[in-house]
C-alpha cells in the first residue's frame, strides 16, 4: 500500500505533491472536526438542556411538596380513619354526577377488593375535577394510574387501579 502511494507521489510534479499534502493536512482535521467533534458538541448541548429541564422539574416538585406540607399543617385532618369503600355502584354514582359515566370503558372489581377503572377518551379537566371531588370520600387509594395523551387537545386516555384504603 505504501509502495503504491510512494509511486503515485513520485509520479507527480513537486507542485502537485505540495497541493496533495496541503489538501490532506486540511481535509483530515476538517473531517475529524465535522464527523466527530461537532456531533459530540451537539450531544453535550442537548444533555445540558435536558439537565436544565430536569433541575427545573425537581425544583418545581420541591416547591409543590413544601406547599402541600404547609397546607397539611394548616388543615390537620379531623378524622384520620379512612372512609368505607363505596364499591363499584358508589363510584358509578359519582361518575354519573360528574357527567363522566358515558366515557367509562372499564369498571370492574379486581381480586383482593380493588377496582379497575378506565377511560379511552375523557376530558382531562373533567377527570381532574372528578378525582379532586371524590378521591377523599370514595374509600379507595389509587394504587396505580396511567394517562396517555391523544391527538385532541385536553383529551386523554386514563386507567386507574384502585385499592381499598387502609
C-alpha atoms as a PDB file:
ATOM      1  CA  UNK A   1       0.000   0.000   0.000  1.00  0.00           C
ATOM      2  CA  UNK A   2       2.740   2.444   0.890  1.00  0.00           C
ATOM      3  CA  UNK A   3       4.661   1.406  -2.250  1.00  0.00           C
ATOM      4  CA  UNK A   4       1.674   2.471  -4.365  1.00  0.00           C
ATOM      5  CA  UNK A   5       1.412   5.770  -2.503  1.00  0.00           C
ATOM      6  CA  UNK A   6       5.130   6.491  -2.928  1.00  0.00           C
ATOM      7  CA  UNK A   7       4.995   5.565  -6.611  1.00  0.00           C
ATOM      8  CA  UNK A   8       1.911   7.746  -7.063  1.00  0.00           C
ATOM      9  CA  UNK A   9       3.550  10.735  -5.353  1.00  0.00           C
ATOM     10  CA  UNK A  10       6.852  10.313  -7.222  1.00  0.00           C
ATOM     11  CA  UNK A  11       4.940  10.416 -10.484  1.00  0.00           C
ATOM     12  CA  UNK A  12       3.621  13.900  -9.614  1.00  0.00           C
ATOM     13  CA  UNK A  13       5.280  17.236 -10.002  1.00  0.00           C
ATOM     14  CA  UNK A  14       6.575  18.922  -6.825  1.00  0.00           C
ATOM     15  CA  UNK A  15       3.764  21.494  -7.014  1.00  0.00           C
ATOM     16  CA  UNK A  16       1.173  18.693  -7.204  1.00  0.00           C
ATOM     17  CA  UNK A  17       2.754  16.911  -4.222  1.00  0.00           C
ATOM     18  CA  UNK A  18       2.579  20.135  -2.208  1.00  0.00           C
ATOM     19  CA  UNK A  19      -1.085  20.604  -3.147  1.00  0.00           C
ATOM     20  CA  UNK A  20      -1.919  16.990  -2.208  1.00  0.00           C
ATOM     21  CA  UNK A  21      -0.063  17.445   1.114  1.00  0.00           C
ATOM     22  CA  UNK A  22      -1.907  20.689   1.893  1.00  0.00           C
ATOM     23  CA  UNK A  23      -5.188  19.096   0.885  1.00  0.00           C
ATOM     24  CA  UNK A  24      -4.564  16.125   3.228  1.00  0.00           C
ATOM     25  CA  UNK A  25      -3.438  18.447   6.015  1.00  0.00           C
ATOM     26  CA  UNK A  26      -6.662  20.470   5.682  1.00  0.00           C
ATOM     27  CA  UNK A  27      -9.166  17.728   4.883  1.00  0.00           C
ATOM     28  CA  UNK A  28      -8.241  15.244   7.605  1.00  0.00           C
ATOM     29  CA  UNK A  29      -8.572  17.675  10.531  1.00  0.00           C
ATOM     30  CA  UNK A  30     -11.725  19.130   8.981  1.00  0.00           C
ATOM     31  CA  UNK A  31     -13.217  15.640   8.643  1.00  0.00           C
ATOM     32  CA  UNK A  32     -12.350  14.857  12.264  1.00  0.00           C
ATOM     33  CA  UNK A  33     -13.998  18.083  13.400  1.00  0.00           C
ATOM     34  CA  UNK A  34     -17.109  17.618  11.266  1.00  0.00           C
ATOM     35  CA  UNK A  35     -17.720  13.934  11.917  1.00  0.00           C
ATOM     36  CA  UNK A  36     -16.502  13.568  15.490  1.00  0.00           C
ATOM     37  CA  UNK A  37     -16.179  16.854  17.394  1.00  0.00           C
ATOM     38  CA  UNK A  38     -19.337  18.646  16.171  1.00  0.00           C
ATOM     39  CA  UNK A  39     -21.679  15.722  16.971  1.00  0.00           C
ATOM     40  CA  UNK A  40     -20.127  15.492  20.431  1.00  0.00           C
ATOM     41  CA  UNK A  41     -20.704  19.207  20.978  1.00  0.00           C
ATOM     42  CA  UNK A  42     -24.331  18.854  19.861  1.00  0.00           C
ATOM     43  CA  UNK A  43     -24.861  15.926  22.226  1.00  0.00           C
ATOM     44  CA  UNK A  44     -23.290  17.914  25.050  1.00  0.00           C
ATOM     45  CA  UNK A  45     -25.606  20.856  24.392  1.00  0.00           C
ATOM     46  CA  UNK A  46     -28.642  18.549  24.291  1.00  0.00           C
ATOM     47  CA  UNK A  47     -27.547  16.990  27.588  1.00  0.00           C
ATOM     48  CA  UNK A  48     -27.231  20.452  29.138  1.00  0.00           C
ATOM     49  CA  UNK A  49     -30.761  21.340  28.013  1.00  0.00           C
ATOM     50  CA  UNK A  50     -32.130  18.070  29.443  1.00  0.00           C
ATOM     51  CA  UNK A  51     -30.271  18.660  32.695  1.00  0.00           C
ATOM     52  CA  UNK A  52     -31.706  22.159  32.993  1.00  0.00           C
ATOM     53  CA  UNK A  53     -35.223  20.822  32.363  1.00  0.00           C
ATOM     54  CA  UNK A  54     -34.745  18.077  34.958  1.00  0.00           C
ATOM     55  CA  UNK A  55     -33.462  20.570  37.510  1.00  0.00           C
ATOM     56  CA  UNK A  56     -36.409  22.874  36.841  1.00  0.00           C
ATOM     57  CA  UNK A  57     -38.804  19.970  37.301  1.00  0.00           C
ATOM     58  CA  UNK A  58     -37.070  18.922  40.516  1.00  0.00           C
ATOM     59  CA  UNK A  59     -37.295  22.483  41.843  1.00  0.00           C
ATOM     60  CA  UNK A  60     -40.990  22.700  40.893  1.00  0.00           C
ATOM     61  CA  UNK A  61     -41.766  19.377  42.621  1.00  0.00           C
ATOM     62  CA  UNK A  62     -39.908  20.518  45.758  1.00  0.00           C
ATOM     63  CA  UNK A  63     -41.957  23.727  45.823  1.00  0.00           C
ATOM     64  CA  UNK A  64     -45.221  21.761  45.461  1.00  0.00           C
ATOM     65  CA  UNK A  65     -44.135  19.445  48.296  1.00  0.00           C
ATOM     66  CA  UNK A  66     -43.471  22.459  50.520  1.00  0.00           C
ATOM     67  CA  UNK A  67     -46.873  23.917  49.633  1.00  0.00           C
ATOM     68  CA  UNK A  68     -48.571  20.626  50.442  1.00  0.00           C
ATOM     69  CA  UNK A  69     -46.749  20.362  53.749  1.00  0.00           C
ATOM     70  CA  UNK A  70     -47.821  23.914  54.604  1.00  0.00           C
ATOM     71  CA  UNK A  71     -51.438  23.167  53.650  1.00  0.00           C
ATOM     72  CA  UNK A  72     -51.424  19.922  55.634  1.00  0.00           C
ATOM     73  CA  UNK A  73     -50.064  21.788  58.669  1.00  0.00           C
ATOM     74  CA  UNK A  74     -52.722  24.496  58.295  1.00  0.00           C
ATOM     75  CA  UNK A  75     -55.587  21.982  57.896  1.00  0.00           C
ATOM     76  CA  UNK A  76     -54.960  18.940  60.064  1.00  0.00           C
ATOM     77  CA  UNK A  77     -57.216  16.024  59.221  1.00  0.00           C
ATOM     78  CA  UNK A  78     -60.245  15.887  61.510  1.00  0.00           C
ATOM     79  CA  UNK A  79     -60.765  12.164  61.114  1.00  0.00           C
ATOM     80  CA  UNK A  80     -57.772  10.014  60.281  1.00  0.00           C
ATOM     81  CA  UNK A  81     -59.865   6.892  59.678  1.00  0.00           C
ATOM     82  CA  UNK A  82     -60.311   6.046  56.023  1.00  0.00           C
ATOM     83  CA  UNK A  83     -63.875   6.183  54.731  1.00  0.00           C
ATOM     84  CA  UNK A  84     -65.632   2.933  53.932  1.00  0.00           C
ATOM     85  CA  UNK A  85     -65.140   1.833  50.316  1.00  0.00           C
ATOM     86  CA  UNK A  86     -68.150   2.724  48.174  1.00  0.00           C
ATOM     87  CA  UNK A  87     -67.864  -0.179  45.778  1.00  0.00           C
ATOM     88  CA  UNK A  88     -68.487  -0.076  42.062  1.00  0.00           C
ATOM     89  CA  UNK A  89     -72.002   1.312  42.412  1.00  0.00           C
ATOM     90  CA  UNK A  90     -70.785   4.229  44.552  1.00  0.00           C
ATOM     91  CA  UNK A  91     -68.027   5.031  42.074  1.00  0.00           C
ATOM     92  CA  UNK A  92     -70.537   4.774  39.246  1.00  0.00           C
ATOM     93  CA  UNK A  93     -72.909   7.194  41.006  1.00  0.00           C
ATOM     94  CA  UNK A  94     -70.099   9.730  41.440  1.00  0.00           C
ATOM     95  CA  UNK A  95     -69.224   9.322  37.737  1.00  0.00           C
ATOM     96  CA  UNK A  96     -72.859   9.943  36.785  1.00  0.00           C
ATOM     97  CA  UNK A  97     -72.963  13.046  38.985  1.00  0.00           C
ATOM     98  CA  UNK A  98     -69.788  14.350  37.314  1.00  0.00           C
ATOM     99  CA  UNK A  99     -71.114  13.581  33.812  1.00  0.00           C
ATOM    100  CA  UNK A 100     -68.361  11.063  33.110  1.00  0.00           C
ATOM    101  CA  UNK A 101     -70.284   7.753  33.130  1.00  0.00           C
ATOM    102  CA  UNK A 102     -70.641   7.641  29.350  1.00  0.00           C
ATOM    103  CA  UNK A 103     -66.849   7.965  29.000  1.00  0.00           C
ATOM    104  CA  UNK A 104     -66.042   4.934  31.186  1.00  0.00           C
ATOM    105  CA  UNK A 105     -64.847   1.917  29.180  1.00  0.00           C
ATOM    106  CA  UNK A 106     -63.728  -0.301  32.084  1.00  0.00           C
ATOM    107  CA  UNK A 107     -65.265  -0.513  35.539  1.00  0.00           C
ATOM    108  CA  UNK A 108     -64.714  -3.869  37.231  1.00  0.00           C
ATOM    109  CA  UNK A 109     -63.871  -5.458  40.553  1.00  0.00           C
ATOM    110  CA  UNK A 110     -60.333  -6.754  40.987  1.00  0.00           C
ATOM    111  CA  UNK A 111     -59.164  -9.697  43.007  1.00  0.00           C
ATOM    112  CA  UNK A 112     -58.335  -8.533  46.513  1.00  0.00           C
ATOM    113  CA  UNK A 113     -61.061  -5.896  46.782  1.00  0.00           C
ATOM    114  CA  UNK A 114     -59.850  -3.310  44.334  1.00  0.00           C
ATOM    115  CA  UNK A 115     -61.478  -1.695  41.335  1.00  0.00           C
ATOM    116  CA  UNK A 116     -60.227  -1.228  37.789  1.00  0.00           C
ATOM    117  CA  UNK A 117     -61.417   1.953  36.090  1.00  0.00           C
ATOM    118  CA  UNK A 118     -60.619   3.037  32.548  1.00  0.00           C
ATOM    119  CA  UNK A 119     -61.442   5.776  30.056  1.00  0.00           C
ATOM    120  CA  UNK A 120     -60.473   5.600  26.373  1.00  0.00           C
ATOM    121  CA  UNK A 121     -61.164   9.302  25.780  1.00  0.00           C
ATOM    122  CA  UNK A 122     -62.035  11.766  28.507  1.00  0.00           C
ATOM    123  CA  UNK A 123     -61.644  15.493  29.026  1.00  0.00           C
ATOM    124  CA  UNK A 124     -58.656  15.921  31.325  1.00  0.00           C
ATOM    125  CA  UNK A 125     -60.193  18.869  33.186  1.00  0.00           C
ATOM    126  CA  UNK A 126     -63.414  16.978  33.968  1.00  0.00           C
ATOM    127  CA  UNK A 127     -61.452  13.919  35.065  1.00  0.00           C
ATOM    128  CA  UNK A 128     -59.281  16.044  37.347  1.00  0.00           C
ATOM    129  CA  UNK A 129     -62.305  17.756  38.893  1.00  0.00           C
ATOM    130  CA  UNK A 130     -63.991  14.393  39.494  1.00  0.00           C
ATOM    131  CA  UNK A 131     -60.869  12.977  41.133  1.00  0.00           C
ATOM    132  CA  UNK A 132     -60.477  16.100  43.267  1.00  0.00           C
ATOM    133  CA  UNK A 133     -64.075  15.959  44.493  1.00  0.00           C
ATOM    134  CA  UNK A 134     -64.419  12.231  45.078  1.00  0.00           C
ATOM    135  CA  UNK A 135     -60.973  10.879  45.981  1.00  0.00           C
ATOM    136  CA  UNK A 136     -61.342  11.743  49.678  1.00  0.00           C
ATOM    137  CA  UNK A 137     -64.803  10.201  50.042  1.00  0.00           C
ATOM    138  CA  UNK A 138     -64.835   7.015  47.991  1.00  0.00           C
ATOM    139  CA  UNK A 139     -62.666   4.889  50.332  1.00  0.00           C
ATOM    140  CA  UNK A 140     -60.054   3.866  47.781  1.00  0.00           C
ATOM    141  CA  UNK A 141     -56.398   4.689  47.256  1.00  0.00           C
ATOM    142  CA  UNK A 142     -55.080   4.980  43.728  1.00  0.00           C
ATOM    143  CA  UNK A 143     -52.659   2.065  43.516  1.00  0.00           C
ATOM    144  CA  UNK A 144     -51.529   2.953  40.015  1.00  0.00           C
ATOM    145  CA  UNK A 145     -52.681   5.090  37.136  1.00  0.00           C
ATOM    146  CA  UNK A 146     -51.785   5.820  33.539  1.00  0.00           C
ATOM    147  CA  UNK A 147     -52.602   8.863  31.439  1.00  0.00           C
ATOM    148  CA  UNK A 148     -51.968   8.824  27.699  1.00  0.00           C
ATOM    149  CA  UNK A 149     -52.309  11.881  25.507  1.00  0.00           C
ATOM    150  CA  UNK A 150     -54.463  11.927  22.419  1.00  0.00           C
ATOM    151  CA  UNK A 151     -54.310  13.966  19.222  1.00  0.00           C
ATOM    152  CA  UNK A 152     -57.093  16.224  20.526  1.00  0.00           C
ATOM    153  CA  UNK A 153     -56.025  18.916  22.970  1.00  0.00           C
ATOM    154  CA  UNK A 154     -57.241  18.405  26.533  1.00  0.00           C
ATOM    155  CA  UNK A 155     -58.338  14.802  25.932  1.00  0.00           C
ATOM    156  CA  UNK A 156     -56.572  11.809  27.485  1.00  0.00           C
ATOM    157  CA  UNK A 157     -56.938   8.072  27.866  1.00  0.00           C
ATOM    158  CA  UNK A 158     -56.805   7.144  31.540  1.00  0.00           C
ATOM    159  CA  UNK A 159     -56.735   3.953  33.555  1.00  0.00           C
ATOM    160  CA  UNK A 160     -56.744   3.564  37.327  1.00  0.00           C
ATOM    161  CA  UNK A 161     -56.231   0.641  39.660  1.00  0.00           C
ATOM    162  CA  UNK A 162     -57.931   1.421  42.955  1.00  0.00           C
ATOM    163  CA  UNK A 163     -57.234  -0.426  46.193  1.00  0.00           C
ATOM    164  CA  UNK A 164     -59.403  -0.285  49.316  1.00  0.00           C
ATOM    165  CA  UNK A 165     -57.961   2.375  51.654  1.00  0.00           C
ATOM    166  CA  UNK A 166     -56.414   1.124  54.857  1.00  0.00           C
END
